[in-house]
Structures are given as C-alpha cells and as structure tokens.
Amino acid sequence: MRIHLAIAAALAFAATSLAPVLAAPPEKIGLMGLNNSGEVGIVTLAARGNKTEVSLSVEGGPKGVAQPAHIHRGTCDNLNPMPAFPLHNVVNGRSNTLVNVPLSRLMSGSFAVNVHASTKNLKRYVACGELVH
C-alpha cells in the first residue's frame, strides 16, 4: 500500500512539475502603425486552458486616452468591421484581456488585432496585427 501511495505521489508531482514546461510558449505578433499614427507594438497571446490572455504593448499613442481594441475576423487589409472578441481599451500603451477562445483558434490565420484612435474616433484605425504563426 505504501509503495502505491509513493508512486501516486511521485506521478502527481511529476505531472504538476512538468505542466509549465509542456505549456505552449506565448505567441508574439507585431502591431504595425496605420494611417500615419506612428503607433507600433506587440500583441502577446498566452494559452490559459481553453482561454487566451491577450496583452497589448503599444508605443507612440496618446497618454491618458482610452483606445478601443478588438480581435476581428480577416486581415489588416480586409478587416471585418464587426469585432469577434472585444479587448480592454489600450490606455497609456497597455491592455490585458482574458478572452474565451483557445489560442489555437485565434492563431488560425483568420483574425487580426485592431486598435482605434479613441472612443470618440472609432473609424480611425491606428494599429493592426495579423494573428498568424
């Protein structure tokens, strides 16, 4: 009985110890500036089970201005205007959102992250990045 408990404990320890090693590394996607905005950055996507943590780091944007951000179907050149997944606004160059979709689906090549100039100027896109490997 002790041997079985020791083996079970060792297997449980190994499974929890290896979980971070086996997790997929985060995906990093560049954000290119649009409409002469001068805003560029990085989108980092990290698997969180069946969800994905989406972090935006944007340089060149206005300080203290909320800039809406979304994941859209399509590409930066052919973006479906209806957001597929809302993200928290980019404020002072940062946004972090947990979306209810697996990383593998977001990285299928069918989506792009888009940042708008402000809540008052949603029609002006200032940065975009296509979610592809």
C-alpha atoms as a PDB file:
ATOM      1  CA  MET A   1       0.000   0.000   0.000  1.00  0.00           C
ATOM      2  CA  ARG A   2       2.823   2.419   0.867  1.00  0.00           C
ATOM      3  CA  ILE A   3       4.511   1.720  -2.453  1.00  0.00           C
ATOM      4  CA  HIS A   4       1.311   2.546  -4.358  1.00  0.00           C
ATOM      5  CA  LEU A   5       0.897   5.810  -2.444  1.00  0.00           C
ATOM      6  CA  ALA A   6       4.535   6.718  -3.052  1.00  0.00           C
ATOM      7  CA  ILE A   7       4.194   6.022  -6.775  1.00  0.00           C
ATOM      8  CA  ALA A   8       0.944   8.010  -6.971  1.00  0.00           C
ATOM      9  CA  ALA A   9       2.555  10.923  -5.137  1.00  0.00           C
ATOM     10  CA  ALA A  10       5.599  10.838  -7.417  1.00  0.00           C
ATOM     11  CA  LEU A  11       3.413  10.784 -10.541  1.00  0.00           C
ATOM     12  CA  ALA A  12       1.287  13.673  -9.263  1.00  0.00           C
ATOM     13  CA  PHE A  13       4.437  15.694  -8.502  1.00  0.00           C
ATOM     14  CA  ALA A  14       5.894  14.962 -11.928  1.00  0.00           C
ATOM     15  CA  ALA A  15       2.667  15.971 -13.675  1.00  0.00           C
ATOM     16  CA  THR A  16       2.430  19.296 -11.840  1.00  0.00           C
ATOM     17  CA  SER A  17       6.157  19.966 -12.186  1.00  0.00           C
ATOM     18  CA  LEU A  18       6.156  19.369 -15.937  1.00  0.00           C
ATOM     19  CA  ALA A  19       2.941  21.297 -16.699  1.00  0.00           C
ATOM     20  CA  PRO A  20       4.697  24.674 -17.141  1.00  0.00           C
ATOM     21  CA  VAL A  21       7.346  23.039 -19.332  1.00  0.00           C
ATOM     22  CA  LEU A  22       4.710  21.436 -21.565  1.00  0.00           C
ATOM     23  CA  ALA A  23       2.610  24.604 -21.940  1.00  0.00           C
ATOM     24  CA  ALA A  24       2.854  26.276 -25.329  1.00  0.00           C
ATOM     25  CA  PRO A  25       5.076  29.352 -25.325  1.00  0.00           C
ATOM     26  CA  PRO A  26       3.286  32.682 -25.804  1.00  0.00           C
ATOM     27  CA  GLU A  27       2.803  33.929 -29.352  1.00  0.00           C
ATOM     28  CA  LYS A  28       4.172  37.405 -30.108  1.00  0.00           C
ATOM     29  CA  ILE A  29       2.742  39.343 -33.031  1.00  0.00           C
ATOM     30  CA  GLY A  30       3.848  42.763 -34.255  1.00  0.00           C
ATOM     31  CA  LEU A  31       1.418  45.675 -34.435  1.00  0.00           C
ATOM     32  CA  MET A  32       2.057  47.929 -37.425  1.00  0.00           C
ATOM     33  CA  GLY A  33       1.020  51.559 -37.438  1.00  0.00           C
ATOM     34  CA  LEU A  34      -1.874  52.601 -39.649  1.00  0.00           C
ATOM     35  CA  ASN A  35      -2.972  55.949 -41.066  1.00  0.00           C
ATOM     36  CA  ASN A  36       0.311  57.681 -40.173  1.00  0.00           C
ATOM     37  CA  SER A  37      -0.418  57.168 -36.469  1.00  0.00           C
ATOM     38  CA  GLY A  38       3.162  56.334 -35.504  1.00  0.00           C
ATOM     39  CA  GLU A  39       1.756  53.686 -33.156  1.00  0.00           C
ATOM     40  CA  VAL A  40       3.508  50.316 -33.193  1.00  0.00           C
ATOM     41  CA  GLY A  41       3.742  47.494 -30.718  1.00  0.00           C
ATOM     42  CA  ILE A  42       3.431  43.862 -29.793  1.00  0.00           C
ATOM     43  CA  VAL A  43       0.469  41.576 -29.122  1.00  0.00           C
ATOM     44  CA  THR A  44       1.316  38.700 -26.785  1.00  0.00           C
ATOM     45  CA  LEU A  45      -1.083  35.758 -26.686  1.00  0.00           C
ATOM     46  CA  ALA A  46      -0.754  33.098 -23.999  1.00  0.00           C
ATOM     47  CA  ALA A  47      -2.846  29.940 -23.631  1.00  0.00           C
ATOM     48  CA  ARG A  48      -4.805  29.760 -20.388  1.00  0.00           C
ATOM     49  CA  GLY A  49      -6.580  26.420 -20.782  1.00  0.00           C
ATOM     50  CA  ASN A  50      -9.450  26.968 -23.232  1.00  0.00           C
ATOM     51  CA  LYS A  51      -8.998  30.741 -22.943  1.00  0.00           C
ATOM     52  CA  THR A  52      -6.298  33.117 -24.160  1.00  0.00           C
ATOM     53  CA  GLU A  53      -4.650  36.017 -22.367  1.00  0.00           C
ATOM     54  CA  VAL A  54      -4.168  38.841 -24.872  1.00  0.00           C
ATOM     55  CA  SER A  55      -1.714  41.586 -23.884  1.00  0.00           C
ATOM     56  CA  LEU A  56      -1.033  44.669 -25.996  1.00  0.00           C
ATOM     57  CA  SER A  57       2.002  46.881 -25.633  1.00  0.00           C
ATOM     58  CA  VAL A  58       1.756  49.949 -27.876  1.00  0.00           C
ATOM     59  CA  GLU A  59       4.244  52.794 -28.318  1.00  0.00           C
ATOM     60  CA  GLY A  60       3.560  56.198 -29.825  1.00  0.00           C
ATOM     61  CA  GLY A  61      -0.031  56.551 -28.649  1.00  0.00           C
ATOM     62  CA  PRO A  62      -1.599  59.416 -26.724  1.00  0.00           C
ATOM     63  CA  LYS A  63      -1.149  59.450 -22.955  1.00  0.00           C
ATOM     64  CA  GLY A  64      -4.288  59.005 -20.852  1.00  0.00           C
ATOM     65  CA  VAL A  65      -6.555  58.336 -23.874  1.00  0.00           C
ATOM     66  CA  ALA A  66      -8.614  55.142 -23.971  1.00  0.00           C
ATOM     67  CA  GLN A  67      -8.051  53.450 -27.327  1.00  0.00           C
ATOM     68  CA  PRO A  68     -10.527  50.647 -28.041  1.00  0.00           C
ATOM     69  CA  ALA A  69      -9.014  47.374 -29.237  1.00  0.00           C
ATOM     70  CA  HIS A  70     -10.628  44.271 -30.685  1.00  0.00           C
ATOM     71  CA  ILE A  71      -9.916  40.981 -32.353  1.00  0.00           C
ATOM     72  CA  HIS A  72     -11.603  40.976 -35.773  1.00  0.00           C
ATOM     73  CA  ARG A  73     -12.054  38.340 -38.418  1.00  0.00           C
ATOM     74  CA  GLY A  74      -9.980  38.989 -41.505  1.00  0.00           C
ATOM     75  CA  THR A  75      -6.640  40.635 -42.171  1.00  0.00           C
ATOM     76  CA  CYS A  76      -5.349  44.155 -41.591  1.00  0.00           C
ATOM     77  CA  ASP A  77      -6.029  44.901 -45.276  1.00  0.00           C
ATOM     78  CA  ASN A  78      -9.500  43.302 -45.246  1.00  0.00           C
ATOM     79  CA  LEU A  79     -10.904  43.605 -41.721  1.00  0.00           C
ATOM     80  CA  ASN A  80     -14.464  42.626 -40.878  1.00  0.00           C
ATOM     81  CA  PRO A  81     -15.672  45.766 -39.062  1.00  0.00           C
ATOM     82  CA  MET A  82     -17.705  43.719 -36.548  1.00  0.00           C
ATOM     83  CA  PRO A  83     -15.406  42.709 -33.657  1.00  0.00           C
ATOM     84  CA  ALA A  84     -15.175  38.976 -32.997  1.00  0.00           C
ATOM     85  CA  PHE A  85     -13.737  39.467 -29.478  1.00  0.00           C
ATOM     86  CA  PRO A  86     -13.554  42.747 -27.551  1.00  0.00           C
ATOM     87  CA  LEU A  87     -10.355  43.609 -25.709  1.00  0.00           C
ATOM     88  CA  HIS A  88      -9.849  46.060 -22.879  1.00  0.00           C
ATOM     89  CA  ASN A  89      -9.010  49.547 -24.081  1.00  0.00           C
ATOM     90  CA  VAL A  90      -5.352  50.396 -24.576  1.00  0.00           C
ATOM     91  CA  VAL A  91      -4.517  53.102 -22.021  1.00  0.00           C
ATOM     92  CA  ASN A  92      -1.009  54.524 -21.730  1.00  0.00           C
ATOM     93  CA  GLY A  93       0.172  51.846 -24.144  1.00  0.00           C
ATOM     94  CA  ARG A  94      -1.143  48.805 -22.272  1.00  0.00           C
ATOM     95  CA  SER A  95      -4.103  46.424 -22.417  1.00  0.00           C
ATOM     96  CA  ASN A  96      -4.618  42.963 -20.934  1.00  0.00           C
ATOM     97  CA  THR A  97      -7.701  40.785 -21.555  1.00  0.00           C
ATOM     98  CA  LEU A  98      -8.645  37.147 -20.996  1.00  0.00           C
ATOM     99  CA  VAL A  99     -10.770  36.053 -23.965  1.00  0.00           C
ATOM    100  CA  ASN A 100     -12.967  32.983 -24.001  1.00  0.00           C
ATOM    101  CA  VAL A 101     -11.392  31.278 -27.007  1.00  0.00           C
ATOM    102  CA  PRO A 102      -8.447  28.872 -27.318  1.00  0.00           C
ATOM    103  CA  LEU A 103      -5.105  30.196 -28.557  1.00  0.00           C
ATOM    104  CA  SER A 104      -5.084  27.683 -31.434  1.00  0.00           C
ATOM    105  CA  ARG A 105      -8.295  29.168 -32.842  1.00  0.00           C
ATOM    106  CA  LEU A 106      -7.002  32.741 -32.606  1.00  0.00           C
ATOM    107  CA  MET A 107      -3.780  31.742 -34.364  1.00  0.00           C
ATOM    108  CA  SER A 108      -5.632  30.038 -37.233  1.00  0.00           C
ATOM    109  CA  GLY A 109      -4.814  32.883 -39.627  1.00  0.00           C
ATOM    110  CA  SER A 110      -8.391  34.154 -39.667  1.00  0.00           C
ATOM    111  CA  PHE A 111      -8.061  37.003 -37.146  1.00  0.00           C
ATOM    112  CA  ALA A 112      -6.343  40.351 -36.616  1.00  0.00           C
ATOM    113  CA  VAL A 113      -5.985  42.676 -33.623  1.00  0.00           C
ATOM    114  CA  ASN A 114      -7.009  46.257 -34.305  1.00  0.00           C
ATOM    115  CA  VAL A 115      -6.531  49.423 -32.218  1.00  0.00           C
ATOM    116  CA  HIS A 116      -8.690  52.533 -32.740  1.00  0.00           C
ATOM    117  CA  ALA A 117      -7.632  56.163 -32.226  1.00  0.00           C
ATOM    118  CA  SER A 118     -10.079  56.772 -29.349  1.00  0.00           C
ATOM    119  CA  THR A 119     -13.614  56.067 -28.154  1.00  0.00           C
ATOM    120  CA  LYS A 120     -14.699  59.228 -29.999  1.00  0.00           C
ATOM    121  CA  ASN A 121     -12.813  58.342 -33.188  1.00  0.00           C
ATOM    122  CA  LEU A 122     -13.527  54.643 -33.759  1.00  0.00           C
ATOM    123  CA  LYS A 123     -13.337  54.936 -37.541  1.00  0.00           C
ATOM    124  CA  ARG A 124      -9.620  55.789 -37.458  1.00  0.00           C
ATOM    125  CA  TYR A 125      -7.534  52.649 -37.113  1.00  0.00           C
ATOM    126  CA  VAL A 126      -4.087  53.343 -35.632  1.00  0.00           C
ATOM    127  CA  ALA A 127      -2.506  49.877 -35.366  1.00  0.00           C
ATOM    128  CA  CYS A 128      -3.120  46.341 -36.555  1.00  0.00           C
ATOM    129  CA  GLY A 129      -1.501  42.909 -36.327  1.00  0.00           C
ATOM    130  CA  GLU A 130      -2.481  39.656 -38.029  1.00  0.00           C
ATOM    131  CA  LEU A 131      -2.687  36.576 -35.810  1.00  0.00           C
ATOM    132  CA  VAL A 132      -0.667  34.004 -37.733  1.00  0.00           C
ATOM    133  CA  HIS A 133       2.245  31.777 -36.791  1.00  0.00           C
END
